[in-house]
Protein backbone atom coordinates (compact mmCIF):
# COMPACT_ATOMS: atom_id res chain seq x y z
CA UNK A 1 -0.23 -1.36 -14.64
CA UNK A 2 -2.59 -3.89 -13.39
CA UNK A 3 -0.01 -5.57 -11.11
CA UNK A 4 0.64 -1.63 -9.44
CA UNK A 5 -2.98 -1.04 -9.15
CA UNK A 6 -2.97 -4.72 -7.28
CA UNK A 7 -0.10 -4.30 -5.07
CA UNK A 8 -1.24 -0.78 -4.36
CA UNK A 9 -4.68 -2.04 -3.47
CA UNK A 10 -3.83 -5.15 -1.99
CA UNK A 11 -1.16 -2.98 0.58
CA UNK A 12 -3.55 0.02 1.53
CA UNK A 13 -6.03 -2.96 2.47
CA UNK A 14 -3.86 -5.03 4.76
CA UNK A 15 -3.13 -1.55 6.82
CA UNK A 16 -6.39 -0.92 6.96
CA UNK A 17 -7.08 -4.52 8.61
CA UNK A 18 -4.62 -3.86 10.91
CA UNK A 19 -5.51 -0.80 12.33
CA UNK A 20 -8.92 -2.16 12.47
CA UNK A 21 -8.03 -5.23 14.43
CA UNK A 22 -5.80 -3.11 16.57
CA UNK A 23 -8.73 -0.79 17.65
CA UNK A 24 -11.02 -4.24 18.49
CA UNK A 25 -8.32 -5.86 20.47
CA UNK A 26 -8.77 -2.50 22.77
CA UNK A 27 -11.65 -2.18 22.49
CA UNK A 28 -12.63 -5.95 24.04
CA UNK A 29 -13.81 -6.03 27.44
CA UNK A 30 -14.97 -8.52 30.44
CA UNK A 31 -18.48 -8.98 32.02
CA UNK A 32 -18.48 -6.48 35.22
CA UNK A 33 -16.76 -8.33 38.08
CA UNK A 34 -18.87 -7.56 41.54
CA UNK A 35 -16.57 -5.75 43.78
CA UNK A 36 -14.43 -4.39 41.53
CA UNK A 37 -14.90 -1.03 40.15
CA UNK A 38 -15.50 -0.06 36.53
CA UNK A 39 -11.46 1.84 36.16
CA UNK A 40 -9.94 -1.20 38.16
CA UNK A 41 -11.18 -3.90 35.81
CA UNK A 42 -10.40 -2.24 32.95
CA UNK A 43 -6.96 -1.54 34.54
CA UNK A 44 -6.43 -5.41 34.59
CA UNK A 45 -7.43 -5.82 30.86
CA UNK A 46 -4.74 -3.16 30.19
CA UNK A 47 -2.27 -5.69 31.77
CA UNK A 48 -3.30 -8.62 29.67
CA UNK A 49 -3.01 -6.03 26.48
CA UNK A 50 0.13 -4.91 26.78
CA UNK A 51 1.49 -8.30 25.89
CA UNK A 52 0.38 -7.99 21.90
CA UNK A 53 3.06 -6.82 19.99
CA UNK A 54 1.92 -3.53 18.58
CA UNK A 55 1.19 -1.50 21.51
CA UNK A 56 4.53 0.35 22.77
CA UNK A 57 2.93 2.09 25.61
CA UNK A 58 -0.79 1.97 27.27
CA UNK A 59 -2.78 4.69 29.34
CA UNK A 60 -5.73 4.15 31.39
CA UNK A 61 -7.30 7.96 31.47
CA UNK A 62 -9.99 8.59 34.46
CA UNK A 63 -13.04 10.30 33.26
CA UNK A 64 -12.08 13.58 34.57
CA UNK A 65 -8.48 12.93 32.43
CA UNK A 66 -6.25 12.63 35.09
CA UNK A 67 -3.54 9.39 34.50
CA UNK A 68 -4.63 6.13 36.09
CA UNK A 69 -1.99 3.62 34.91
CA UNK A 70 0.44 3.61 32.60
CA UNK A 71 2.13 0.17 31.05
CA UNK A 72 4.93 0.34 28.51
CA UNK A 73 7.34 -2.52 27.24
CA UNK A 74 10.48 0.21 28.15
CA UNK A 75 10.07 1.66 31.60
CA UNK A 76 8.06 0.24 35.27
CA UNK A 77 4.40 0.48 35.46
CA UNK A 78 3.03 3.63 36.81
CA UNK A 79 0.18 3.58 38.78
CA UNK A 80 -2.46 6.18 39.46
CA UNK A 81 0.03 9.16 38.98
CA UNK A 82 -2.73 11.51 39.00
CA UNK A 83 -1.36 13.81 35.49
CA UNK A 84 -3.69 15.94 34.11
CA UNK A 85 -4.38 15.21 30.48
CA UNK A 86 -8.10 16.36 30.27
CA UNK A 87 -6.44 19.71 27.59
CA UNK A 88 -5.40 16.74 25.23
CA UNK A 89 -6.80 16.43 21.91
CA UNK A 90 -7.35 13.39 22.21
CA UNK A 91 -9.42 13.48 25.68
CA UNK A 92 -11.25 16.29 24.28
CA UNK A 93 -12.12 14.42 20.61
CA UNK A 94 -13.37 11.06 22.09
CA UNK A 95 -15.23 12.86 25.02
CA UNK A 96 -17.05 14.35 22.18
CA UNK A 97 -18.02 11.19 21.37
CA UNK A 98 -15.73 9.99 18.52
CA UNK A 99 -12.45 7.54 19.08
CA UNK A 100 -9.08 9.57 17.81
CA UNK A 101 -6.25 8.67 15.77
CA UNK A 102 -3.96 10.97 16.08
CA UNK A 103 -0.74 11.23 13.08
CA UNK A 104 2.46 9.79 12.56
CA UNK A 105 5.45 11.08 14.38
CA UNK A 106 8.56 9.72 15.45
CA UNK A 107 10.96 8.98 18.23
CA UNK A 108 13.95 7.37 19.09
CA UNK A 109 13.99 5.90 15.10
CA UNK A 110 11.09 4.64 14.83
CA UNK A 111 7.55 5.68 14.25
CA UNK A 112 4.11 5.88 16.33
CA UNK A 113 0.85 6.88 16.42
CA UNK A 114 -1.95 7.15 18.96
CA UNK A 115 -5.40 6.05 18.96
CA UNK A 116 -7.41 7.07 22.01
CA UNK A 117 -11.29 5.55 22.57
CA UNK A 118 -13.35 4.80 25.62
CA UNK A 119 -14.34 1.54 26.50
CA UNK A 120 -16.83 -0.05 28.76
CA UNK A 121 -19.35 2.11 30.70
CA UNK A 122 -18.19 5.95 30.97
CA UNK A 123 -16.73 5.20 34.36
CA UNK A 124 -14.23 3.04 32.98
CA UNK A 125 -12.57 6.39 31.93
CA UNK A 126 -10.34 6.31 28.10
CA UNK A 127 -7.72 4.38 26.67
CA UNK A 128 -5.13 6.24 24.93
CA UNK A 129 -2.36 3.24 23.16
CA UNK A 130 0.57 4.42 21.32
CA UNK A 131 0.97 2.09 18.47
CA UNK A 132 4.13 1.38 17.06
CA UNK A 133 4.08 0.92 13.63
CA UNK A 134 7.86 -0.60 12.50
CA UNK A 135 5.73 -4.13 12.04
CA UNK A 136 2.62 -1.98 10.07
CA UNK A 137 4.55 0.28 7.51
CA UNK A 138 7.71 -3.09 6.28
CA UNK A 139 4.91 -4.54 4.51
CA UNK A 140 5.01 -1.82 2.60
CA UNK A 141 8.97 -1.20 2.26
CA UNK A 142 9.01 -4.90 0.65
CA UNK A 143 7.01 -4.46 -2.46
CA UNK A 144 9.27 -4.84 -5.18
CA UNK A 145 7.97 -3.86 -9.16
CA UNK A 146 10.13 -4.93 -11.18
CA UNK A 147 13.68 -4.65 -10.68
CA UNK A 148 13.73 -0.77 -8.88
CA UNK A 149 10.00 -0.19 -8.78
CA UNK A 150 9.44 0.21 -5.22
CA UNK A 151 6.78 1.07 -2.47
CA UNK A 152 6.20 4.26 0.12
CA UNK A 153 3.19 5.62 2.16
CA UNK A 154 2.36 9.10 2.26
CA UNK A 155 0.13 10.57 5.37
CA UNK A 156 -2.50 13.01 5.04
CA UNK A 157 -0.61 15.30 4.68
CA UNK A 158 1.99 14.46 2.51
CA UNK A 159 4.53 13.96 4.37
CA UNK A 160 6.53 10.16 4.20
CA UNK A 161 5.24 7.38 6.70
CA UNK A 162 7.04 4.51 5.22
CA UNK A 163 9.56 4.24 2.57
CA UNK A 164 12.38 1.78 1.84
CA UNK A 165 15.13 3.72 2.59
CA UNK A 166 13.95 4.84 6.59
CA UNK A 167 16.64 7.75 6.53
CA UNK A 168 14.12 9.70 4.40
CA UNK A 169 11.19 8.50 7.40
CA UNK A 170 12.89 9.62 9.97
CA UNK A 171 14.32 13.05 8.33
CA UNK A 172 10.09 13.78 7.96
CA UNK A 173 10.55 14.28 4.48
CA UNK A 174 7.22 15.54 2.18
CA UNK A 175 6.19 14.18 -0.69
CA UNK A 176 3.48 16.93 -1.06
CA UNK A 177 5.49 18.67 -4.23
CA UNK A 178 5.28 15.63 -6.29
CA UNK A 179 2.67 15.66 -8.93
CA UNK A 180 1.13 12.28 -8.06
CA UNK A 181 0.96 13.11 -4.45
CA UNK A 182 -0.86 16.27 -4.22
CA UNK A 183 -3.31 15.37 -7.22
CA UNK A 184 -4.14 11.67 -4.78
CA UNK A 185 -4.29 14.65 -1.82
CA UNK A 186 -6.96 16.77 -3.71
CA UNK A 187 -9.07 14.08 -5.55
CA UNK A 188 -11.12 12.98 -2.06
CA UNK A 189 -12.53 9.40 -3.70
CA UNK A 190 -11.75 6.95 -1.55
CA UNK A 191 -12.22 4.26 -3.69
CA UNK A 192 -10.30 6.00 -6.07
CA UNK A 193 -6.77 4.86 -7.40
CA UNK A 194 -5.14 5.85 -10.40
CA UNK A 195 -2.23 5.22 -12.92
CA UNK A 196 -0.02 7.95 -14.07
CA UNK A 197 3.26 8.95 -15.44
CA UNK A 198 4.80 11.50 -13.21
CA UNK A 199 8.51 11.79 -11.63
CA UNK A 200 9.92 10.64 -8.57
CA UNK A 201 11.65 12.38 -6.06
CA UNK A 202 15.14 12.33 -8.58
CA UNK A 203 13.02 13.18 -11.08
CA UNK A 204 12.79 10.58 -12.55
CA UNK A 205 9.87 9.33 -15.00
CA UNK A 206 7.99 7.07 -13.11
CA UNK A 207 4.72 5.08 -14.09
CA UNK A 208 2.63 5.28 -10.47
CA UNK A 209 -0.76 3.48 -8.63
CA UNK A 210 -1.79 4.60 -5.70
CA UNK A 211 -4.53 3.04 -2.44
CA UNK A 212 -6.08 5.05 -0.12
CA UNK A 213 -6.21 3.80 3.33
CA UNK A 214 -9.66 6.16 4.04
CA UNK A 215 -9.52 5.71 8.05
CA UNK A 216 -6.56 6.88 8.13
CA UNK A 217 -6.25 9.66 5.21
CA UNK A 218 -3.20 7.43 4.40
CA UNK A 219 -1.56 7.12 0.28
CA UNK A 220 0.59 3.95 -0.82
CA UNK A 221 2.05 4.24 -3.95
CA UNK A 222 3.72 2.26 -6.16
CA UNK A 223 5.73 3.59 -8.43
CA UNK A 224 8.20 1.82 -11.11
CA UNK A 225 11.02 3.81 -13.58
CA UNK A 226 9.05 4.28 -16.72
CA UNK A 227 12.12 3.17 -18.83
CA UNK A 228 11.96 -0.31 -17.17
CA UNK A 229 7.89 -0.29 -17.37
CA UNK A 230 8.26 -0.12 -21.00
CA UNK A 231 10.96 -2.52 -21.19
CA UNK A 232 8.90 -5.49 -21.09
CA UNK A 233 6.45 -3.43 -24.36
CA UNK A 234 9.42 -3.00 -26.61
CA UNK A 235 11.14 -6.88 -25.81
CA UNK A 236 7.33 -7.57 -26.90
CA UNK A 237 6.83 -5.71 -29.78
CA UNK A 238 10.32 -6.38 -30.86
CA UNK A 239 9.22 -10.54 -30.91
CA UNK A 240 5.99 -9.66 -32.31
CA UNK A 241 7.17 -8.36 -35.60
CA UNK A 242 10.47 -11.07 -35.90
CA UNK A 243 7.32 -13.74 -35.68
CA UNK A 244 5.42 -11.18 -38.65
CA UNK A 245 8.57 -11.55 -40.64
CA UNK A 246 9.19 -14.78 -40.34
CA UNK A 247 5.30 -15.08 -40.83
CA UNK A 248 5.61 -13.21 -44.39
CA UNK A 249 9.06 -15.32 -44.82
CA UNK A 250 7.32 -17.96 -44.15
CA UNK A 251 4.22 -17.52 -46.42
CA UNK A 252 6.27 -15.69 -49.19
CA UNK A 253 8.29 -19.64 -49.64
CA UNK A 254 4.64 -21.12 -49.65
CA UNK A 255 3.68 -18.89 -52.57
CA UNK A 256 6.17 -19.26 -54.43
CA UNK A 257 6.08 -23.00 -54.10
CA UNK A 258 2.87 -22.98 -55.08
CA UNK A 259 3.27 -20.91 -58.01
CA UNK A 260 6.26 -23.61 -59.08
CA UNK A 261 3.53 -26.47 -58.86
CA UNK A 262 1.13 -24.14 -61.25
CA UNK A 263 3.43 -23.48 -63.77
CA UNK A 264 5.18 -27.12 -63.78
CA UNK A 265 1.74 -28.40 -65.59
CA UNK A 266 1.47 -25.50 -67.92
CA UNK A 267 4.89 -25.41 -68.91
CA UNK A 268 4.65 -29.20 -69.83
CA UNK A 269 1.70 -27.84 -71.31
CA UNK A 270 3.24 -25.21 -73.76
CA UNK A 271 6.21 -28.13 -74.62
CA UNK A 272 3.73 -30.47 -76.17
CA UNK A 273 2.09 -28.28 -78.14
CA UNK A 274 5.39 -26.72 -79.60
CA UNK A 275 6.37 -30.77 -80.13
CA UNK A 276 3.34 -30.99 -82.04
CA UNK A 277 3.62 -27.95 -84.03
CA UNK A 278 6.34 -29.39 -85.68
CA UNK A 279 4.50 -32.10 -86.52
CA UNK A 280 6.12 -34.92 -83.54
CA UNK A 281 2.60 -36.93 -82.44
């Protein structure tokens, strides 16, 4: 149980730290340069930011919501396209003073999410980064418990976003119907972790623990088949029973030897008394 708790909590903490580090990189700015507008300087910073492996695409919007720059790992740079994104959810939310962390989505067999935030002065616009989650979530799929135990992650709606079987992720599978997922989604305590018996997607009884990523509302589950989890307990119980039986046998042998040692002088006295009674002095 403790091992599953530890693995789920550690995986959740690492994801939270990783995303926090990404947001810090997005928010890094240089000292203002004379003769260079805040928007131009931010564009230069994004050209450096694109080298980070986690970023699939970075877009810079001007204060009115028009696309000023777009850099991507798979396409040529697009400068001052003028595309109007002022009606997008991320633009409106950032303009209201809150950073935007979008839902997970799938494209071309990969998993992404969008982070948008205002960086620097107001005239530096809004930076919108598309994050490739492959390197982030593959750490979850590597978690093993026992022979067949594994880990997976769901978003705030119960959709599968990380699983050893990538086909389930790409099929946008929802696990909200599982009792352990439903209970975790309904429980609002951010630091709470549970271990309980439940059922897997295949109906197999499993022992499950989960850890939360409060910044995103994601939940990491670590599960192990119940039969496998109790296998070691059964083996330990069998060893304990053998040890008890062995101890009882040793105790019995010691008691028998002790009784024999006690009886031997008594029998000698009895024999001597008998001889004396017969006149053999």
